[in-house]
Amino acid sequence: MTLSRNPAICAAELDGEICLFHPDNAVYLNLNATGSAVWTLLDAPMEREQLLAQLLERYGVEEAICRRDTEAFLAEAIERGMLIEQPSAA
């Protein structure tokens, strides 16, 4: 599955972290440092595994912890409409 930013989302950096606003449903999401890194990495659409690999390289954390935390963030961001997940082009 390919992850991408929802193009309708407004994003602004505040004190080194990113704040997202969904204008269609007036939902805000304040990202911590890791969520901000995910948002930044998704400047271009990418596969989940690519995203995890880049986060592992950047932060040097255990894979299980990175996967758990990243999956939790992705689930919330997709549920709130901030990120879009689509089948990969074959």
PDB file of N, CA and C in Angstrom:
ATOM      1  N   MET A   1       0.837  -1.175   0.000  1.00  0.00           N
ATOM      2  CA  MET A   1       0.000   0.000   0.000  1.00  0.00           C
ATOM      3  C   MET A   1       0.884   1.241   0.000  1.00  0.00           C
ATOM      4  N   THR A   2       0.447   2.234  -0.743  1.00  0.00           N
ATOM      5  CA  THR A   2       1.184   3.486  -0.845  1.00  0.00           C
ATOM      6  C   THR A   2       0.533   4.544   0.036  1.00  0.00           C
ATOM      7  N   LEU A   3       1.359   5.229   0.803  1.00  0.00           N
ATOM      8  CA  LEU A   3       0.901   6.301   1.683  1.00  0.00           C
ATOM      9  C   LEU A   3       1.209   7.639   1.041  1.00  0.00           C
ATOM     10  N   SER A   4       0.300   8.584   1.209  1.00  0.00           N
ATOM     11  CA  SER A   4       0.547   9.938   0.720  1.00  0.00           C
ATOM     12  C   SER A   4      -0.203  10.927   1.592  1.00  0.00           C
ATOM     13  N   ARG A   5       0.231  12.160   1.520  1.00  0.00           N
ATOM     14  CA  ARG A   5      -0.467  13.227   2.214  1.00  0.00           C
ATOM     15  C   ARG A   5      -1.789  13.510   1.504  1.00  0.00           C
ATOM     16  N   ASN A   6      -2.801  13.866   2.263  1.00  0.00           N
ATOM     17  CA  ASN A   6      -4.046  14.331   1.671  1.00  0.00           C
ATOM     18  C   ASN A   6      -3.772  15.749   1.178  1.00  0.00           C
ATOM     19  N   PRO A   7      -3.930  16.020  -0.126  1.00  0.00           N
ATOM     20  CA  PRO A   7      -3.592  17.343  -0.645  1.00  0.00           C
ATOM     21  C   PRO A   7      -4.485  18.471  -0.105  1.00  0.00           C
ATOM     22  N   ALA A   8      -5.604  18.134   0.507  1.00  0.00           N
ATOM     23  CA  ALA A   8      -6.499  19.161   1.053  1.00  0.00           C
ATOM     24  C   ALA A   8      -6.029  19.674   2.415  1.00  0.00           C
ATOM     25  N   ILE A   9      -5.068  18.988   3.014  1.00  0.00           N
ATOM     26  CA  ILE A   9      -4.633  19.321   4.372  1.00  0.00           C
ATOM     27  C   ILE A   9      -3.745  20.566   4.374  1.00  0.00           C
ATOM     28  N   CYS A  10      -4.009  21.424   5.332  1.00  0.00           N
ATOM     29  CA  CYS A  10      -3.158  22.594   5.570  1.00  0.00           C
ATOM     30  C   CYS A  10      -2.167  22.215   6.665  1.00  0.00           C
ATOM     31  N   ALA A  11      -0.896  22.492   6.436  1.00  0.00           N
ATOM     32  CA  ALA A  11       0.136  22.158   7.412  1.00  0.00           C
ATOM     33  C   ALA A  11       0.960  23.400   7.719  1.00  0.00           C
ATOM     34  N   ALA A  12       1.314  23.537   8.993  1.00  0.00           N
ATOM     35  CA  ALA A  12       2.172  24.635   9.420  1.00  0.00           C
ATOM     36  C   ALA A  12       3.117  24.137  10.494  1.00  0.00           C
ATOM     37  N   GLU A  13       4.343  24.649  10.463  1.00  0.00           N
ATOM     38  CA  GLU A  13       5.311  24.282  11.487  1.00  0.00           C
ATOM     39  C   GLU A  13       5.229  25.284  12.628  1.00  0.00           C
ATOM     40  N   LEU A  14       5.097  24.755  13.841  1.00  0.00           N
ATOM     41  CA  LEU A  14       5.024  25.574  15.046  1.00  0.00           C
ATOM     42  C   LEU A  14       5.999  25.014  16.063  1.00  0.00           C
ATOM     43  N   ASP A  15       6.991  25.778  16.433  1.00  0.00           N
ATOM     44  CA  ASP A  15       7.986  25.346  17.421  1.00  0.00           C
ATOM     45  C   ASP A  15       8.632  24.009  17.068  1.00  0.00           C
ATOM     46  N   GLY A  16       8.946  23.817  15.793  1.00  0.00           N
ATOM     47  CA  GLY A  16       9.636  22.614  15.359  1.00  0.00           C
ATOM     48  C   GLY A  16       8.759  21.401  15.132  1.00  0.00           C
ATOM     49  N   GLU A  17       7.474  21.527  15.378  1.00  0.00           N
ATOM     50  CA  GLU A  17       6.542  20.428  15.127  1.00  0.00           C
ATOM     51  C   GLU A  17       5.472  20.903  14.155  1.00  0.00           C
ATOM     52  N   ILE A  18       4.829  19.953  13.519  1.00  0.00           N
ATOM     53  CA  ILE A  18       3.865  20.286  12.485  1.00  0.00           C
ATOM     54  C   ILE A  18       2.441  20.152  13.016  1.00  0.00           C
ATOM     55  N   CYS A  19       1.622  21.117  12.670  1.00  0.00           N
ATOM     56  CA  CYS A  19       0.208  21.118  13.007  1.00  0.00           C
ATOM     57  C   CYS A  19      -0.563  20.971  11.696  1.00  0.00           C
ATOM     58  N   LEU A  20      -1.497  20.017  11.665  1.00  0.00           N
ATOM     59  CA  LEU A  20      -2.294  19.767  10.468  1.00  0.00           C
ATOM     60  C   LEU A  20      -3.738  20.197  10.706  1.00  0.00           C
ATOM     61  N   PHE A  21      -4.365  20.699   9.662  1.00  0.00           N
ATOM     62  CA  PHE A  21      -5.773  21.089   9.727  1.00  0.00           C
ATOM     63  C   PHE A  21      -6.477  20.550   8.498  1.00  0.00           C
ATOM     64  N   HIS A  22      -7.576  19.852   8.728  1.00  0.00           N
ATOM     65  CA  HIS A  22      -8.389  19.314   7.638  1.00  0.00           C
ATOM     66  C   HIS A  22      -9.575  20.258   7.447  1.00  0.00           C
ATOM     67  N   PRO A  23      -9.596  21.053   6.379  1.00  0.00           N
ATOM     68  CA  PRO A  23     -10.642  22.059   6.213  1.00  0.00           C
ATOM     69  C   PRO A  23     -12.041  21.492   5.977  1.00  0.00           C
ATOM     70  N   ASP A  24     -12.144  20.263   5.498  1.00  0.00           N
ATOM     71  CA  ASP A  24     -13.463  19.688   5.226  1.00  0.00           C
ATOM     72  C   ASP A  24     -14.223  19.330   6.491  1.00  0.00           C
ATOM     73  N   ASN A  25     -13.489  18.905   7.532  1.00  0.00           N
ATOM     74  CA  ASN A  25     -14.170  18.494   8.757  1.00  0.00           C
ATOM     75  C   ASN A  25     -13.670  19.236  10.002  1.00  0.00           C
ATOM     76  N   ALA A  26     -12.843  20.254   9.796  1.00  0.00           N
ATOM     77  CA  ALA A  26     -12.322  21.109  10.866  1.00  0.00           C
ATOM     78  C   ALA A  26     -11.577  20.314  11.949  1.00  0.00           C
ATOM     79  N   VAL A  27     -10.854  19.270  11.541  1.00  0.00           N
ATOM     80  CA  VAL A  27     -10.077  18.459  12.472  1.00  0.00           C
ATOM     81  C   VAL A  27      -8.635  18.953  12.479  1.00  0.00           C
ATOM     82  N   TYR A  28      -8.094  19.124  13.686  1.00  0.00           N
ATOM     83  CA  TYR A  28      -6.685  19.481  13.878  1.00  0.00           C
ATOM     84  C   TYR A  28      -5.934  18.253  14.362  1.00  0.00           C
ATOM     85  N   LEU A  29      -4.675  18.175  13.999  1.00  0.00           N
ATOM     86  CA  LEU A  29      -3.800  17.130  14.514  1.00  0.00           C
ATOM     87  C   LEU A  29      -2.423  17.740  14.720  1.00  0.00           C
ATOM     88  N   ASN A  30      -1.986  17.796  15.969  1.00  0.00           N
ATOM     89  CA  ASN A  30      -0.655  18.294  16.285  1.00  0.00           C
ATOM     90  C   ASN A  30       0.306  17.113  16.317  1.00  0.00           C
ATOM     91  N   LEU A  31       1.355  17.189  15.529  1.00  0.00           N
ATOM     92  CA  LEU A  31       2.298  16.092  15.413  1.00  0.00           C
ATOM     93  C   LEU A  31       3.483  16.296  16.342  1.00  0.00           C
ATOM     94  N   ASN A  32       3.903  15.206  16.989  1.00  0.00           N
ATOM     95  CA  ASN A  32       5.136  15.268  17.768  1.00  0.00           C
ATOM     96  C   ASN A  32       6.308  15.168  16.792  1.00  0.00           C
ATOM     97  N   ALA A  33       7.517  15.067  17.306  1.00  0.00           N
ATOM     98  CA  ALA A  33       8.698  15.048  16.445  1.00  0.00           C
ATOM     99  C   ALA A  33       8.667  13.877  15.457  1.00  0.00           C
ATOM    100  N   THR A  34       8.250  12.715  15.925  1.00  0.00           N
ATOM    101  CA  THR A  34       8.206  11.550  15.038  1.00  0.00           C
ATOM    102  C   THR A  34       7.111  11.699  13.986  1.00  0.00           C
ATOM    103  N   GLY A  35       5.927  12.140  14.395  1.00  0.00           N
ATOM    104  CA  GLY A  35       4.848  12.377  13.436  1.00  0.00           C
ATOM    105  C   GLY A  35       5.242  13.427  12.416  1.00  0.00           C
ATOM    106  N   SER A  36       5.957  14.453  12.879  1.00  0.00           N
ATOM    107  CA  SER A  36       6.437  15.493  11.969  1.00  0.00           C
ATOM    108  C   SER A  36       7.426  14.910  10.960  1.00  0.00           C
ATOM    109  N   ALA A  37       8.277  13.986  11.419  1.00  0.00           N
ATOM    110  CA  ALA A  37       9.224  13.333  10.510  1.00  0.00           C
ATOM    111  C   ALA A  37       8.482  12.509   9.465  1.00  0.00           C
ATOM    112  N   VAL A  38       7.438  11.792   9.891  1.00  0.00           N
ATOM    113  CA  VAL A  38       6.641  10.999   8.939  1.00  0.00           C
ATOM    114  C   VAL A  38       6.017  11.923   7.904  1.00  0.00           C
ATOM    115  N   TRP A  39       5.414  13.024   8.352  1.00  0.00           N
ATOM    116  CA  TRP A  39       4.769  13.971   7.431  1.00  0.00           C
ATOM    117  C   TRP A  39       5.797  14.503   6.429  1.00  0.00           C
ATOM    118  N   THR A  40       6.976  14.839   6.917  1.00  0.00           N
ATOM    119  CA  THR A  40       8.023  15.366   6.048  1.00  0.00           C
ATOM    120  C   THR A  40       8.476  14.312   5.040  1.00  0.00           C
ATOM    121  N   LEU A  41       8.673  13.081   5.501  1.00  0.00           N
ATOM    122  CA  LEU A  41       9.095  12.007   4.596  1.00  0.00           C
ATOM    123  C   LEU A  41       8.053  11.723   3.523  1.00  0.00           C
ATOM    124  N   LEU A  42       6.790  11.951   3.852  1.00  0.00           N
ATOM    125  CA  LEU A  42       5.724  11.683   2.880  1.00  0.00           C
ATOM    126  C   LEU A  42       5.486  12.870   1.943  1.00  0.00           C
ATOM    127  N   ASP A  43       6.506  13.691   1.780  1.00  0.00           N
ATOM    128  CA  ASP A  43       6.452  14.766   0.793  1.00  0.00           C
ATOM    129  C   ASP A  43       6.168  14.161  -0.587  1.00  0.00           C
ATOM    130  N   ALA A  44       6.657  12.958  -0.789  1.00  0.00           N
ATOM    131  CA  ALA A  44       6.350  12.176  -1.986  1.00  0.00           C
ATOM    132  C   ALA A  44       5.751  10.854  -1.504  1.00  0.00           C
ATOM    133  N   PRO A  45       4.735  10.339  -2.187  1.00  0.00           N
ATOM    134  CA  PRO A  45       4.120   9.073  -1.769  1.00  0.00           C
ATOM    135  C   PRO A  45       5.158   7.959  -1.681  1.00  0.00           C
ATOM    136  N   MET A  46       4.946   7.061  -0.709  1.00  0.00           N
ATOM    137  CA  MET A  46       5.851   5.917  -0.582  1.00  0.00           C
ATOM    138  C   MET A  46       5.142   4.748   0.087  1.00  0.00           C
ATOM    139  N   GLU A  47       5.746   3.597  -0.058  1.00  0.00           N
ATOM    140  CA  GLU A  47       5.244   2.380   0.563  1.00  0.00           C
ATOM    141  C   GLU A  47       5.503   2.422   2.070  1.00  0.00           C
ATOM    142  N   ARG A  48       4.662   1.722   2.834  1.00  0.00           N
ATOM    143  CA  ARG A  48       4.849   1.639   4.286  1.00  0.00           C
ATOM    144  C   ARG A  48       6.244   1.156   4.649  1.00  0.00           C
ATOM    145  N   GLU A  49       6.705   0.111   3.980  1.00  0.00           N
ATOM    146  CA  GLU A  49       8.009  -0.465   4.308  1.00  0.00           C
ATOM    147  C   GLU A  49       9.146   0.517   4.008  1.00  0.00           C
ATOM    148  N   GLN A  50       9.001   1.296   2.944  1.00  0.00           N
ATOM    149  CA  GLN A  50      10.000   2.322   2.645  1.00  0.00           C
ATOM    150  C   GLN A  50      10.030   3.361   3.758  1.00  0.00           C
ATOM    151  N   LEU A  51       8.854   3.768   4.214  1.00  0.00           N
ATOM    152  CA  LEU A  51       8.749   4.748   5.279  1.00  0.00           C
ATOM    153  C   LEU A  51       9.407   4.215   6.547  1.00  0.00           C
ATOM    154  N   LEU A  52       9.090   2.981   6.912  1.00  0.00           N
ATOM    155  CA  LEU A  52       9.695   2.373   8.102  1.00  0.00           C
ATOM    156  C   LEU A  52      11.217   2.297   7.981  1.00  0.00           C
ATOM    157  N   ALA A  53      11.708   1.917   6.817  1.00  0.00           N
ATOM    158  CA  ALA A  53      13.153   1.816   6.615  1.00  0.00           C
ATOM    159  C   ALA A  53      13.822   3.175   6.802  1.00  0.00           C
ATOM    160  N   GLN A  54      13.207   4.227   6.284  1.00  0.00           N
ATOM    161  CA  GLN A  54      13.798   5.555   6.430  1.00  0.00           C
ATOM    162  C   GLN A  54      13.766   6.024   7.886  1.00  0.00           C
ATOM    163  N   LEU A  55      12.684   5.716   8.598  1.00  0.00           N
ATOM    164  CA  LEU A  55      12.606   6.084  10.008  1.00  0.00           C
ATOM    165  C   LEU A  55      13.633   5.311  10.832  1.00  0.00           C
ATOM    166  N   LEU A  56      13.802   4.023  10.546  1.00  0.00           N
ATOM    167  CA  LEU A  56      14.797   3.216  11.248  1.00  0.00           C
ATOM    168  C   LEU A  56      16.202   3.765  11.027  1.00  0.00           C
ATOM    169  N   GLU A  57      16.478   4.151   9.801  1.00  0.00           N
ATOM    170  CA  GLU A  57      17.792   4.712   9.482  1.00  0.00           C
ATOM    171  C   GLU A  57      17.999   6.051  10.192  1.00  0.00           C
ATOM    172  N   ARG A  58      16.970   6.865  10.214  1.00  0.00           N
ATOM    173  CA  ARG A  58      17.071   8.201  10.806  1.00  0.00           C
ATOM    174  C   ARG A  58      17.216   8.154  12.320  1.00  0.00           C
ATOM    175  N   TYR A  59      16.435   7.277  12.991  1.00  0.00           N
ATOM    176  CA  TYR A  59      16.378   7.294  14.448  1.00  0.00           C
ATOM    177  C   TYR A  59      17.150   6.177  15.134  1.00  0.00           C
ATOM    178  N   GLY A  60      17.492   5.112  14.413  1.00  0.00           N
ATOM    179  CA  GLY A  60      18.269   4.032  15.009  1.00  0.00           C
ATOM    180  C   GLY A  60      17.585   3.348  16.188  1.00  0.00           C
ATOM    181  N   VAL A  61      16.269   3.226  16.149  1.00  0.00           N
ATOM    182  CA  VAL A  61      15.531   2.559  17.223  1.00  0.00           C
ATOM    183  C   VAL A  61      15.281   1.106  16.841  1.00  0.00           C
ATOM    184  N   GLU A  62      14.807   0.318  17.806  1.00  0.00           N
ATOM    185  CA  GLU A  62      14.468  -1.071  17.511  1.00  0.00           C
ATOM    186  C   GLU A  62      13.328  -1.110  16.505  1.00  0.00           C
ATOM    187  N   GLU A  63      13.405  -2.060  15.595  1.00  0.00           N
ATOM    188  CA  GLU A  63      12.399  -2.149  14.543  1.00  0.00           C
ATOM    189  C   GLU A  63      10.996  -2.344  15.105  1.00  0.00           C
ATOM    190  N   ALA A  64      10.844  -3.175  16.117  1.00  0.00           N
ATOM    191  CA  ALA A  64       9.513  -3.441  16.676  1.00  0.00           C
ATOM    192  C   ALA A  64       8.899  -2.169  17.258  1.00  0.00           C
ATOM    193  N   ILE A  65       9.713  -1.372  17.926  1.00  0.00           N
ATOM    194  CA  ILE A  65       9.216  -0.128  18.510  1.00  0.00           C
ATOM    195  C   ILE A  65       8.853   0.866  17.405  1.00  0.00           C
ATOM    196  N   CYS A  66       9.719   0.971  16.414  1.00  0.00           N
ATOM    197  CA  CYS A  66       9.464   1.877  15.292  1.00  0.00           C
ATOM    198  C   CYS A  66       8.186   1.480  14.572  1.00  0.00           C
ATOM    199  N   ARG A  67       8.036   0.196  14.310  1.00  0.00           N
ATOM    200  CA  ARG A  67       6.848  -0.288  13.596  1.00  0.00           C
ATOM    201  C   ARG A  67       5.586  -0.023  14.412  1.00  0.00           C
ATOM    202  N   ARG A  68       5.620  -0.329  15.694  1.00  0.00           N
ATOM    203  CA  ARG A  68       4.441  -0.130  16.555  1.00  0.00           C
ATOM    204  C   ARG A  68       4.029   1.337  16.591  1.00  0.00           C
ATOM    205  N   ASP A  69       4.987   2.213  16.850  1.00  0.00           N
ATOM    206  CA  ASP A  69       4.676   3.632  16.956  1.00  0.00           C
ATOM    207  C   ASP A  69       4.246   4.228  15.620  1.00  0.00           C
ATOM    208  N   THR A  70       4.911   3.815  14.552  1.00  0.00           N
ATOM    209  CA  THR A  70       4.572   4.334  13.223  1.00  0.00           C
ATOM    210  C   THR A  70       3.193   3.857  12.794  1.00  0.00           C
ATOM    211  N   GLU A  71       2.895   2.589  13.012  1.00  0.00           N
ATOM    212  CA  GLU A  71       1.577   2.062  12.639  1.00  0.00           C
ATOM    213  C   GLU A  71       0.465   2.757  13.418  1.00  0.00           C
ATOM    214  N   ALA A  72       0.709   3.040  14.701  1.00  0.00           N
ATOM    215  CA  ALA A  72      -0.295   3.753  15.505  1.00  0.00           C
ATOM    216  C   ALA A  72      -0.541   5.145  14.938  1.00  0.00           C
ATOM    217  N   PHE A  73       0.539   5.852  14.596  1.00  0.00           N
ATOM    218  CA  PHE A  73       0.387   7.186  14.015  1.00  0.00           C
ATOM    219  C   PHE A  73      -0.333   7.114  12.676  1.00  0.00           C
ATOM    220  N   LEU A  74       0.083   6.195  11.813  1.00  0.00           N
ATOM    221  CA  LEU A  74      -0.536   6.089  10.493  1.00  0.00           C
ATOM    222  C   LEU A  74      -2.028   5.789  10.601  1.00  0.00           C
ATOM    223  N   ALA A  75      -2.402   4.893  11.509  1.00  0.00           N
ATOM    224  CA  ALA A  75      -3.819   4.553  11.676  1.00  0.00           C
ATOM    225  C   ALA A  75      -4.627   5.787  12.057  1.00  0.00           C
ATOM    226  N   GLU A  76      -4.110   6.582  12.991  1.00  0.00           N
ATOM    227  CA  GLU A  76      -4.832   7.791  13.413  1.00  0.00           C
ATOM    228  C   GLU A  76      -4.887   8.821  12.291  1.00  0.00           C
ATOM    229  N   ALA A  77      -3.776   9.027  11.604  1.00  0.00           N
ATOM    230  CA  ALA A  77      -3.728  10.022  10.531  1.00  0.00           C
ATOM    231  C   ALA A  77      -4.627   9.627   9.362  1.00  0.00           C
ATOM    232  N   ILE A  78      -4.701   8.345   9.052  1.00  0.00           N
ATOM    233  CA  ILE A  78      -5.590   7.877   7.980  1.00  0.00           C
ATOM    234  C   ILE A  78      -7.035   8.016   8.422  1.00  0.00           C
ATOM    235  N   GLU A  79      -7.339   7.627   9.656  1.00  0.00           N
ATOM    236  CA  GLU A  79      -8.712   7.737  10.180  1.00  0.00           C
ATOM    237  C   GLU A  79      -9.192   9.182  10.158  1.00  0.00           C
ATOM    238  N   ARG A  80      -8.321  10.116  10.470  1.00  0.00           N
ATOM    239  CA  ARG A  80      -8.688  11.533  10.505  1.00  0.00           C
ATOM    240  C   ARG A  80      -8.631  12.194   9.131  1.00  0.00           C
ATOM    241  N   GLY A  81      -8.217  11.436   8.117  1.00  0.00           N
ATOM    242  CA  GLY A  81      -8.198  11.962   6.754  1.00  0.00           C
ATOM    243  C   GLY A  81      -6.978  12.802   6.421  1.00  0.00           C
ATOM    244  N   MET A  82      -5.959  12.752   7.250  1.00  0.00           N
ATOM    245  CA  MET A  82      -4.753  13.529   7.006  1.00  0.00           C
ATOM    246  C   MET A  82      -3.844  12.843   5.978  1.00  0.00           C
ATOM    247  N   LEU A  83      -3.815  11.523   6.033  1.00  0.00           N
ATOM    248  CA  LEU A  83      -3.048  10.723   5.085  1.00  0.00           C
ATOM    249  C   LEU A  83      -4.003   9.838   4.296  1.00  0.00           C
ATOM    250  N   ILE A  84      -3.555   9.459   3.127  1.00  0.00           N
ATOM    251  CA  ILE A  84      -4.335   8.588   2.248  1.00  0.00           C
ATOM    252  C   ILE A  84      -3.510   7.330   1.990  1.00  0.00           C
ATOM    253  N   GLU A  85      -4.159   6.188   2.035  1.00  0.00           N
ATOM    254  CA  GLU A  85      -3.488   4.932   1.704  1.00  0.00           C
ATOM    255  C   GLU A  85      -4.214   4.314   0.522  1.00  0.00           C
ATOM    256  N   GLN A  86      -3.446   3.995  -0.508  1.00  0.00           N
ATOM    257  CA  GLN A  86      -4.012   3.427  -1.720  1.00  0.00           C
ATOM    258  C   GLN A  86      -3.198   2.213  -2.153  1.00  0.00           C
ATOM    259  N   PRO A  87      -3.832   1.308  -2.889  1.00  0.00           N
ATOM    260  CA  PRO A  87      -3.073   0.162  -3.413  1.00  0.00           C
ATOM    261  C   PRO A  87      -1.905   0.650  -4.268  1.00  0.00           C
ATOM    262  N   SER A  88      -0.807  -0.061  -4.179  1.00  0.00           N
ATOM    263  CA  SER A  88       0.378   0.297  -4.960  1.00  0.00           C
ATOM    264  C   SER A  88       0.133   0.029  -6.430  1.00  0.00           C
ATOM    265  N   ALA A  89       0.743   0.848  -7.272  1.00  0.00           N
ATOM    266  CA  ALA A  89       0.658   0.620  -8.707  1.00  0.00           C
ATOM    267  C   ALA A  89       1.513  -0.588  -9.051  1.00  0.00           C
ATOM    268  N   ALA A  90       0.937  -1.496  -9.785  1.00  0.00           N
ATOM    269  CA  ALA A  90       1.662  -2.733 -10.120  1.00  0.00           C
ATOM    270  C   ALA A  90       2.367  -2.623 -11.436  1.00  0.00           C
TER     271      ALA A  90
END
